[in-house]
């Protein structure tokens, strides 16, 4: 499990960081308000939100799997271009 802690101004900012770093399936484990800044005991510091989030470590696809996916997409695009051209010639040519 991958845990990450963020100190942010608000929850909206935290969600943006969490989605960017951990992905859309990440879960918020805890939130709390903390004082950050100068002064004794943080008396004159800013109040921040500390958010801890977690995401399961999913296996990343290998380079070979990515290449196969890319090739499949290119093949699909190529086939669809051919079929569009064939259909255009079939239906748009005068008889």
PDB file of N, CA and C in Angstrom:
ATOM      1  N   UNK A   1       0.851  -1.171   0.000  1.00  0.00           N
ATOM      2  CA  UNK A   1       0.000   0.000   0.000  1.00  0.00           C
ATOM      3  C   UNK A   1       0.896   1.232   0.000  1.00  0.00           C
ATOM      4  N   UNK A   2       0.524   2.196  -0.795  1.00  0.00           N
ATOM      5  CA  UNK A   2       1.289   3.423  -0.956  1.00  0.00           C
ATOM      6  C   UNK A   2       0.597   4.546  -0.180  1.00  0.00           C
ATOM      7  N   UNK A   3       1.257   5.075   0.853  1.00  0.00           N
ATOM      8  CA  UNK A   3       0.709   6.164   1.673  1.00  0.00           C
ATOM      9  C   UNK A   3       1.433   7.464   1.361  1.00  0.00           C
ATOM     10  N   UNK A   4       0.682   8.550   1.347  1.00  0.00           N
ATOM     11  CA  UNK A   4       1.265   9.861   1.116  1.00  0.00           C
ATOM     12  C   UNK A   4       0.542  10.892   1.961  1.00  0.00           C
ATOM     13  N   UNK A   5       1.293  11.865   2.483  1.00  0.00           N
ATOM     14  CA  UNK A   5       0.717  12.903   3.344  1.00  0.00           C
ATOM     15  C   UNK A   5       0.888  14.260   2.663  1.00  0.00           C
ATOM     16  N   UNK A   6      -0.170  15.058   2.714  1.00  0.00           N
ATOM     17  CA  UNK A   6      -0.169  16.376   2.084  1.00  0.00           C
ATOM     18  C   UNK A   6      -0.565  17.427   3.107  1.00  0.00           C
ATOM     19  N   UNK A   7       0.062  18.601   3.027  1.00  0.00           N
ATOM     20  CA  UNK A   7      -0.361  19.772   3.809  1.00  0.00           C
ATOM     21  C   UNK A   7      -0.813  20.818   2.809  1.00  0.00           C
ATOM     22  N   UNK A   8      -2.097  21.134   2.876  1.00  0.00           N
ATOM     23  CA  UNK A   8      -2.720  22.001   1.875  1.00  0.00           C
ATOM     24  C   UNK A   8      -3.633  23.018   2.548  1.00  0.00           C
ATOM     25  N   UNK A   9      -4.119  23.970   1.740  1.00  0.00           N
ATOM     26  CA  UNK A   9      -5.015  25.005   2.258  1.00  0.00           C
ATOM     27  C   UNK A   9      -6.439  24.498   2.422  1.00  0.00           C
ATOM     28  N   UNK A  10      -6.877  23.649   1.481  1.00  0.00           N
ATOM     29  CA  UNK A  10      -8.259  23.151   1.544  1.00  0.00           C
ATOM     30  C   UNK A  10      -8.347  21.759   0.925  1.00  0.00           C
ATOM     31  N   UNK A  11      -9.489  21.133   1.077  1.00  0.00           N
ATOM     32  CA  UNK A  11      -9.669  19.756   0.618  1.00  0.00           C
ATOM     33  C   UNK A  11      -9.646  19.663  -0.904  1.00  0.00           C
ATOM     34  N   UNK A  12     -10.096  20.704  -1.579  1.00  0.00           N
ATOM     35  CA  UNK A  12     -10.093  20.704  -3.044  1.00  0.00           C
ATOM     36  C   UNK A  12      -8.661  20.591  -3.579  1.00  0.00           C
ATOM     37  N   UNK A  13      -7.763  21.327  -2.961  1.00  0.00           N
ATOM     38  CA  UNK A  13      -6.354  21.268  -3.347  1.00  0.00           C
ATOM     39  C   UNK A  13      -5.774  19.880  -3.057  1.00  0.00           C
ATOM     40  N   UNK A  14      -6.157  19.314  -1.920  1.00  0.00           N
ATOM     41  CA  UNK A  14      -5.684  17.976  -1.555  1.00  0.00           C
ATOM     42  C   UNK A  14      -6.144  16.940  -2.570  1.00  0.00           C
ATOM     43  N   UNK A  15      -7.405  17.006  -2.966  1.00  0.00           N
ATOM     44  CA  UNK A  15      -7.928  16.036  -3.929  1.00  0.00           C
ATOM     45  C   UNK A  15      -7.196  16.117  -5.261  1.00  0.00           C
ATOM     46  N   UNK A  16      -6.850  17.317  -5.686  1.00  0.00           N
ATOM     47  CA  UNK A  16      -6.111  17.470  -6.942  1.00  0.00           C
ATOM     48  C   UNK A  16      -4.744  16.791  -6.848  1.00  0.00           C
ATOM     49  N   UNK A  17      -4.035  16.998  -5.731  1.00  0.00           N
ATOM     50  CA  UNK A  17      -2.729  16.369  -5.547  1.00  0.00           C
ATOM     51  C   UNK A  17      -2.858  14.851  -5.449  1.00  0.00           C
ATOM     52  N   UNK A  18      -3.853  14.385  -4.723  1.00  0.00           N
ATOM     53  CA  UNK A  18      -4.034  12.946  -4.532  1.00  0.00           C
ATOM     54  C   UNK A  18      -4.316  12.259  -5.860  1.00  0.00           C
ATOM     55  N   UNK A  19      -5.226  12.809  -6.641  1.00  0.00           N
ATOM     56  CA  UNK A  19      -5.535  12.205  -7.946  1.00  0.00           C
ATOM     57  C   UNK A  19      -4.325  12.212  -8.862  1.00  0.00           C
ATOM     58  N   UNK A  20      -3.554  13.301  -8.820  1.00  0.00           N
ATOM     59  CA  UNK A  20      -2.372  13.396  -9.672  1.00  0.00           C
ATOM     60  C   UNK A  20      -1.308  12.374  -9.265  1.00  0.00           C
ATOM     61  N   UNK A  21      -1.061  12.246  -7.962  1.00  0.00           N
ATOM     62  CA  UNK A  21       0.024  11.400  -7.480  1.00  0.00           C
ATOM     63  C   UNK A  21      -0.358   9.935  -7.315  1.00  0.00           C
ATOM     64  N   UNK A  22      -1.562   9.676  -6.825  1.00  0.00           N
ATOM     65  CA  UNK A  22      -1.947   8.307  -6.481  1.00  0.00           C
ATOM     66  C   UNK A  22      -3.014   7.714  -7.396  1.00  0.00           C
ATOM     67  N   UNK A  23      -3.644   8.542  -8.201  1.00  0.00           N
ATOM     68  CA  UNK A  23      -4.653   8.037  -9.122  1.00  0.00           C
ATOM     69  C   UNK A  23      -6.061   8.233  -8.595  1.00  0.00           C
ATOM     70  N   UNK A  24      -7.048   7.991  -9.468  1.00  0.00           N
ATOM     71  CA  UNK A  24      -8.441   8.242  -9.108  1.00  0.00           C
ATOM     72  C   UNK A  24      -9.017   7.247  -8.095  1.00  0.00           C
ATOM     73  N   UNK A  25      -8.348   6.122  -7.889  1.00  0.00           N
ATOM     74  CA  UNK A  25      -8.857   5.111  -6.957  1.00  0.00           C
ATOM     75  C   UNK A  25      -8.279   5.251  -5.552  1.00  0.00           C
ATOM     76  N   UNK A  26      -7.530   6.306  -5.295  1.00  0.00           N
ATOM     77  CA  UNK A  26      -6.928   6.512  -3.974  1.00  0.00           C
ATOM     78  C   UNK A  26      -8.001   6.823  -2.933  1.00  0.00           C
ATOM     79  N   UNK A  27      -7.694   6.476  -1.693  1.00  0.00           N
ATOM     80  CA  UNK A  27      -8.613   6.707  -0.575  1.00  0.00           C
ATOM     81  C   UNK A  27      -7.986   7.662   0.425  1.00  0.00           C
ATOM     82  N   UNK A  28      -8.805   8.539   1.002  1.00  0.00           N
ATOM     83  CA  UNK A  28      -8.334   9.415   2.072  1.00  0.00           C
ATOM     84  C   UNK A  28      -8.420   8.639   3.377  1.00  0.00           C
ATOM     85  N   UNK A  29      -7.278   8.518   4.048  1.00  0.00           N
ATOM     86  CA  UNK A  29      -7.203   7.748   5.285  1.00  0.00           C
ATOM     87  C   UNK A  29      -7.525   8.627   6.486  1.00  0.00           C
ATOM     88  N   UNK A  30      -6.981   9.853   6.505  1.00  0.00           N
ATOM     89  CA  UNK A  30      -7.256  10.750   7.627  1.00  0.00           C
ATOM     90  C   UNK A  30      -7.070  12.201   7.207  1.00  0.00           C
ATOM     91  N   UNK A  31      -7.736  13.077   7.951  1.00  0.00           N
ATOM     92  CA  UNK A  31      -7.563  14.520   7.777  1.00  0.00           C
ATOM     93  C   UNK A  31      -7.490  15.145   9.163  1.00  0.00           C
ATOM     94  N   UNK A  32      -6.705  16.212   9.276  1.00  0.00           N
ATOM     95  CA  UNK A  32      -6.655  16.954  10.533  1.00  0.00           C
ATOM     96  C   UNK A  32      -6.121  18.349  10.255  1.00  0.00           C
ATOM     97  N   UNK A  33      -6.485  19.285  11.128  1.00  0.00           N
ATOM     98  CA  UNK A  33      -5.991  20.650  11.011  1.00  0.00           C
ATOM     99  C   UNK A  33      -4.705  20.772  11.809  1.00  0.00           C
ATOM    100  N   UNK A  34      -3.705  21.411  11.205  1.00  0.00           N
ATOM    101  CA  UNK A  34      -2.420  21.615  11.868  1.00  0.00           C
ATOM    102  C   UNK A  34      -2.015  23.072  11.705  1.00  0.00           C
ATOM    103  N   UNK A  35      -1.202  23.555  12.640  1.00  0.00           N
ATOM    104  CA  UNK A  35      -0.653  24.911  12.556  1.00  0.00           C
ATOM    105  C   UNK A  35       0.736  24.793  11.953  1.00  0.00           C
ATOM    106  N   UNK A  36       1.013  25.633  10.983  1.00  0.00           N
ATOM    107  CA  UNK A  36       2.309  25.608  10.328  1.00  0.00           C
ATOM    108  C   UNK A  36       2.866  27.020  10.302  1.00  0.00           C
ATOM    109  N   UNK A  37       4.069  27.189  10.770  1.00  0.00           N
ATOM    110  CA  UNK A  37       4.668  28.512  10.720  1.00  0.00           C
ATOM    111  C   UNK A  37       5.511  28.810  11.929  1.00  0.00           C
ATOM    112  N   UNK A  38       5.765  30.096  12.124  1.00  0.00           N
ATOM    113  CA  UNK A  38       6.656  30.551  13.183  1.00  0.00           C
ATOM    114  C   UNK A  38       5.886  30.788  14.474  1.00  0.00           C
ATOM    115  N   UNK A  39       6.637  30.937  15.532  1.00  0.00           N
ATOM    116  CA  UNK A  39       6.028  31.258  16.811  1.00  0.00           C
ATOM    117  C   UNK A  39       6.051  30.076  17.756  1.00  0.00           C
ATOM    118  N   UNK A  40       5.837  30.383  19.019  1.00  0.00           N
ATOM    119  CA  UNK A  40       5.812  29.352  20.037  1.00  0.00           C
ATOM    120  C   UNK A  40       4.559  28.501  19.882  1.00  0.00           C
ATOM    121  N   UNK A  41       4.742  27.219  19.781  1.00  0.00           N
ATOM    122  CA  UNK A  41       3.644  26.259  19.658  1.00  0.00           C
ATOM    123  C   UNK A  41       2.772  26.530  18.430  1.00  0.00           C
ATOM    124  N   UNK A  42       3.328  27.212  17.445  1.00  0.00           N
ATOM    125  CA  UNK A  42       2.572  27.491  16.226  1.00  0.00           C
ATOM    126  C   UNK A  42       1.460  28.496  16.406  1.00  0.00           C
ATOM    127  N   UNK A  43       1.540  29.328  17.453  1.00  0.00           N
ATOM    128  CA  UNK A  43       0.461  30.278  17.737  1.00  0.00           C
ATOM    129  C   UNK A  43       0.230  31.270  16.603  1.00  0.00           C
ATOM    130  N   UNK A  44       1.298  31.658  15.926  1.00  0.00           N
ATOM    131  CA  UNK A  44       1.159  32.657  14.877  1.00  0.00           C
ATOM    132  C   UNK A  44       1.256  32.038  13.484  1.00  0.00           C
ATOM    133  N   UNK A  45       1.134  30.755  13.427  1.00  0.00           N
ATOM    134  CA  UNK A  45       1.233  30.065  12.145  1.00  0.00           C
ATOM    135  C   UNK A  45      -0.099  29.983  11.424  1.00  0.00           C
ATOM    136  N   UNK A  46      -0.025  29.542  10.191  1.00  0.00           N
ATOM    137  CA  UNK A  46      -1.237  29.361   9.386  1.00  0.00           C
ATOM    138  C   UNK A  46      -1.869  28.016   9.715  1.00  0.00           C
ATOM    139  N   UNK A  47      -3.183  27.984   9.688  1.00  0.00           N
ATOM    140  CA  UNK A  47      -3.882  26.721   9.862  1.00  0.00           C
ATOM    141  C   UNK A  47      -3.933  26.024   8.510  1.00  0.00           C
ATOM    142  N   UNK A  48      -3.418  24.818   8.480  1.00  0.00           N
ATOM    143  CA  UNK A  48      -3.375  24.028   7.253  1.00  0.00           C
ATOM    144  C   UNK A  48      -4.140  22.730   7.476  1.00  0.00           C
ATOM    145  N   UNK A  49      -4.458  22.072   6.411  1.00  0.00           N
ATOM    146  CA  UNK A  49      -5.133  20.784   6.465  1.00  0.00           C
ATOM    147  C   UNK A  49      -4.116  19.710   6.102  1.00  0.00           C
ATOM    148  N   UNK A  50      -3.957  18.723   6.972  1.00  0.00           N
ATOM    149  CA  UNK A  50      -3.061  17.608   6.688  1.00  0.00           C
ATOM    150  C   UNK A  50      -3.915  16.415   6.281  1.00  0.00           C
ATOM    151  N   UNK A  51      -3.699  15.930   5.080  1.00  0.00           N
ATOM    152  CA  UNK A  51      -4.493  14.834   4.526  1.00  0.00           C
ATOM    153  C   UNK A  51      -3.560  13.670   4.233  1.00  0.00           C
ATOM    154  N   UNK A  52      -3.909  12.500   4.743  1.00  0.00           N
ATOM    155  CA  UNK A  52      -3.161  11.286   4.443  1.00  0.00           C
ATOM    156  C   UNK A  52      -4.013  10.440   3.515  1.00  0.00           C
ATOM    157  N   UNK A  53      -3.413  10.023   2.403  1.00  0.00           N
ATOM    158  CA  UNK A  53      -4.142   9.241   1.403  1.00  0.00           C
ATOM    159  C   UNK A  53      -3.368   7.969   1.089  1.00  0.00           C
ATOM    160  N   UNK A  54      -4.093   6.963   0.621  1.00  0.00           N
ATOM    161  CA  UNK A  54      -3.482   5.679   0.295  1.00  0.00           C
ATOM    162  C   UNK A  54      -4.015   5.160  -1.029  1.00  0.00           C
ATOM    163  N   UNK A  55      -3.156   4.406  -1.697  1.00  0.00           N
ATOM    164  CA  UNK A  55      -3.550   3.729  -2.931  1.00  0.00           C
ATOM    165  C   UNK A  55      -2.846   2.390  -2.963  1.00  0.00           C
ATOM    166  N   UNK A  56      -3.529   1.394  -3.471  1.00  0.00           N
ATOM    167  CA  UNK A  56      -2.895   0.087  -3.583  1.00  0.00           C
ATOM    168  C   UNK A  56      -1.883   0.142  -4.713  1.00  0.00           C
ATOM    169  N   UNK A  57      -0.817  -0.595  -4.552  1.00  0.00           N
ATOM    170  CA  UNK A  57       0.227  -0.617  -5.569  1.00  0.00           C
ATOM    171  C   UNK A  57      -0.172  -1.600  -6.655  1.00  0.00           C
ATOM    172  N   UNK A  58      -0.715  -1.073  -7.711  1.00  0.00           N
ATOM    173  CA  UNK A  58      -1.105  -1.914  -8.838  1.00  0.00           C
ATOM    174  C   UNK A  58       0.115  -2.154  -9.712  1.00  0.00           C
ATOM    175  N   UNK A  59       0.153  -3.319 -10.315  1.00  0.00           N
ATOM    176  CA  UNK A  59       1.259  -3.614 -11.216  1.00  0.00           C
ATOM    177  C   UNK A  59       1.119  -2.771 -12.468  1.00  0.00           C
ATOM    178  N   UNK A  60       2.209  -2.145 -12.845  1.00  0.00           N
ATOM    179  CA  UNK A  60       2.206  -1.331 -14.050  1.00  0.00           C
ATOM    180  C   UNK A  60       2.420  -2.246 -15.253  1.00  0.00           C
ATOM    181  N   UNK A  61       1.759  -1.950 -16.365  1.00  0.00           N
ATOM    182  CA  UNK A  61       1.941  -2.792 -17.541  1.00  0.00           C
ATOM    183  C   UNK A  61       3.374  -2.693 -18.062  1.00  0.00           C
ATOM    184  N   UNK A  62       3.868  -3.801 -18.559  1.00  0.00           N
ATOM    185  CA  UNK A  62       5.227  -3.830 -19.082  1.00  0.00           C
ATOM    186  C   UNK A  62       5.306  -3.067 -20.400  1.00  0.00           C
ATOM    187  N   UNK A  63       6.519  -2.815 -20.839  1.00  0.00           N
ATOM    188  CA  UNK A  63       6.724  -2.109 -22.109  1.00  0.00           C
ATOM    189  C   UNK A  63       6.146  -2.925 -23.262  1.00  0.00           C
ATOM    190  N   UNK A  64       6.248  -4.237 -23.162  1.00  0.00           N
ATOM    191  CA  UNK A  64       5.717  -5.106 -24.218  1.00  0.00           C
ATOM    192  C   UNK A  64       4.194  -4.989 -24.292  1.00  0.00           C
ATOM    193  N   UNK A  65       3.530  -4.943 -23.145  1.00  0.00           N
ATOM    194  CA  UNK A  65       2.066  -4.814 -23.132  1.00  0.00           C
ATOM    195  C   UNK A  65       1.640  -3.463 -23.684  1.00  0.00           C
ATOM    196  N   UNK A  66       2.370  -2.401 -23.328  1.00  0.00           N
ATOM    197  CA  UNK A  66       2.053  -1.074 -23.857  1.00  0.00           C
ATOM    198  C   UNK A  66       2.218  -1.045 -25.367  1.00  0.00           C
ATOM    199  N   UNK A  67       3.289  -1.676 -25.864  1.00  0.00           N
ATOM    200  CA  UNK A  67       3.530  -1.706 -27.310  1.00  0.00           C
ATOM    201  C   UNK A  67       2.417  -2.467 -28.023  1.00  0.00           C
ATOM    202  N   UNK A  68       1.953  -3.557 -27.429  1.00  0.00           N
ATOM    203  CA  UNK A  68       0.868  -4.336 -28.034  1.00  0.00           C
ATOM    204  C   UNK A  68      -0.418  -3.518 -28.084  1.00  0.00           C
ATOM    205  N   UNK A  69      -0.703  -2.769 -27.018  1.00  0.00           N
ATOM    206  CA  UNK A  69      -1.893  -1.917 -27.007  1.00  0.00           C
ATOM    207  C   UNK A  69      -1.805  -0.840 -28.076  1.00  0.00           C
ATOM    208  N   UNK A  70      -0.629  -0.223 -28.196  1.00  0.00           N
ATOM    209  CA  UNK A  70      -0.436   0.825 -29.197  1.00  0.00           C
ATOM    210  C   UNK A  70      -0.607   0.261 -30.599  1.00  0.00           C
ATOM    211  N   UNK A  71      -0.059  -0.926 -30.833  1.00  0.00           N
ATOM    212  CA  UNK A  71      -0.166  -1.556 -32.150  1.00  0.00           C
ATOM    213  C   UNK A  71      -1.621  -1.875 -32.468  1.00  0.00           C
ATOM    214  N   UNK A  72      -2.371  -2.338 -31.480  1.00  0.00           N
ATOM    215  CA  UNK A  72      -3.784  -2.652 -31.695  1.00  0.00           C
ATOM    216  C   UNK A  72      -4.568  -1.401 -32.056  1.00  0.00           C
ATOM    217  N   UNK A  73      -4.279  -0.294 -31.396  1.00  0.00           N
ATOM    218  CA  UNK A  73      -4.971   0.963 -31.693  1.00  0.00           C
ATOM    219  C   UNK A  73      -4.623   1.428 -33.095  1.00  0.00           C
ATOM    220  N   UNK A  74      -3.333   1.347 -33.463  1.00  0.00           N
ATOM    221  CA  UNK A  74      -2.929   1.759 -34.805  1.00  0.00           C
ATOM    222  C   UNK A  74      -3.585   0.885 -35.865  1.00  0.00           C
ATOM    223  N   UNK A  75      -3.667  -0.417 -35.607  1.00  0.00           N
ATOM    224  CA  UNK A  75      -4.309  -1.325 -36.555  1.00  0.00           C
ATOM    225  C   UNK A  75      -5.774  -0.974 -36.704  1.00  0.00           C
ATOM    226  N   UNK A  76      -6.440  -0.694 -35.605  1.00  0.00           N
ATOM    227  CA  UNK A  76      -7.850  -0.318 -35.656  1.00  0.00           C
ATOM    228  C   UNK A  76      -8.029   0.958 -36.465  1.00  0.00           C
ATOM    229  N   UNK A  77      -7.175   1.937 -36.217  1.00  0.00           N
ATOM    230  CA  UNK A  77      -7.271   3.194 -36.968  1.00  0.00           C
ATOM    231  C   UNK A  77      -7.064   2.943 -38.455  1.00  0.00           C
ATOM    232  N   UNK A  78      -6.069   2.133 -38.788  1.00  0.00           N
ATOM    233  CA  UNK A  78      -5.775   1.835 -40.186  1.00  0.00           C
ATOM    234  C   UNK A  78      -6.968   1.140 -40.841  1.00  0.00           C
ATOM    235  N   UNK A  79      -7.529   0.150 -40.157  1.00  0.00           N
ATOM    236  CA  UNK A  79      -8.683  -0.570 -40.700  1.00  0.00           C
ATOM    237  C   UNK A  79      -9.876   0.347 -40.874  1.00  0.00           C
ATOM    238  N   UNK A  80     -10.103   1.237 -39.931  1.00  0.00           N
ATOM    239  CA  UNK A  80     -11.258   2.126 -40.037  1.00  0.00           C
ATOM    240  C   UNK A  80     -11.062   3.135 -41.162  1.00  0.00           C
ATOM    241  N   UNK A  81      -9.819   3.567 -41.406  1.00  0.00           N
ATOM    242  CA  UNK A  81      -9.565   4.481 -42.520  1.00  0.00           C
ATOM    243  C   UNK A  81      -9.845   3.797 -43.850  1.00  0.00           C
ATOM    244  N   UNK A  82      -9.431   2.544 -43.958  1.00  0.00           N
ATOM    245  CA  UNK A  82      -9.675   1.801 -45.194  1.00  0.00           C
ATOM    246  C   UNK A  82     -11.169   1.622 -45.410  1.00  0.00           C
ATOM    247  N   UNK A  83     -11.877   1.247 -44.386  1.00  0.00           N
ATOM    248  CA  UNK A  83     -13.307   1.010 -44.551  1.00  0.00           C
ATOM    249  C   UNK A  83     -14.047   2.304 -44.872  1.00  0.00           C
ATOM    250  N   UNK A  84     -13.619   3.432 -44.312  1.00  0.00           N
ATOM    251  CA  UNK A  84     -14.256   4.705 -44.641  1.00  0.00           C
ATOM    252  C   UNK A  84     -14.016   5.060 -46.102  1.00  0.00           C
ATOM    253  N   UNK A  85     -12.785   4.847 -46.574  1.00  0.00           N
ATOM    254  CA  UNK A  85     -12.475   5.146 -47.973  1.00  0.00           C
ATOM    255  C   UNK A  85     -13.268   4.233 -48.899  1.00  0.00           C
ATOM    256  N   UNK A  86     -13.352   2.973 -48.550  1.00  0.00           N
ATOM    257  CA  UNK A  86     -14.107   2.026 -49.370  1.00  0.00           C
ATOM    258  C   UNK A  86     -15.577   2.404 -49.403  1.00  0.00           C
ATOM    259  N   UNK A  87     -16.120   2.762 -48.252  1.00  0.00           N
ATOM    260  CA  UNK A  87     -17.532   3.151 -48.204  1.00  0.00           C
ATOM    261  C   UNK A  87     -17.768   4.428 -48.993  1.00  0.00           C
ATOM    262  N   UNK A  88     -16.842   5.372 -48.905  1.00  0.00           N
ATOM    263  CA  UNK A  88     -16.999   6.622 -49.646  1.00  0.00           C
ATOM    264  C   UNK A  88     -17.002   6.355 -51.142  1.00  0.00           C
ATOM    265  N   UNK A  89     -16.109   5.491 -51.598  1.00  0.00           N
ATOM    266  CA  UNK A  89     -16.068   5.162 -53.027  1.00  0.00           C
ATOM    267  C   UNK A  89     -17.316   4.417 -53.463  1.00  0.00           C
ATOM    268  N   UNK A  90     -17.810   3.552 -52.613  1.00  0.00           N
ATOM    269  CA  UNK A  90     -18.973   2.749 -52.966  1.00  0.00           C
ATOM    270  C   UNK A  90     -20.232   3.591 -53.048  1.00  0.00           C
ATOM    271  N   UNK A  91     -20.442   4.458 -52.065  1.00  0.00           N
ATOM    272  CA  UNK A  91     -21.702   5.190 -51.989  1.00  0.00           C
ATOM    273  C   UNK A  91     -21.686   6.547 -52.690  1.00  0.00           C
ATOM    274  N   UNK A  92     -20.526   7.125 -52.897  1.00  0.00           N
ATOM    275  CA  UNK A  92     -20.476   8.469 -53.447  1.00  0.00           C
ATOM    276  C   UNK A  92     -20.143   8.520 -54.938  1.00  0.00           C
ATOM    277  N   UNK A  93     -19.745   7.409 -55.499  1.00  0.00           N
ATOM    278  CA  UNK A  93     -19.455   7.420 -56.937  1.00  0.00           C
ATOM    279  C   UNK A  93     -20.752   7.314 -57.722  1.00  0.00           C
ATOM    280  N   UNK A  94     -20.879   8.132 -58.778  1.00  0.00           N
ATOM    281  CA  UNK A  94     -22.109   8.073 -59.580  1.00  0.00           C
ATOM    282  C   UNK A  94     -22.173   6.780 -60.385  1.00  0.00           C
ATOM    283  N   UNK A  95     -23.373   6.284 -60.582  1.00  0.00           N
ATOM    284  CA  UNK A  95     -23.572   5.033 -61.332  1.00  0.00           C
ATOM    285  C   UNK A  95     -24.205   5.306 -62.651  1.00  0.00           C
TER     286      UNK A  95
END
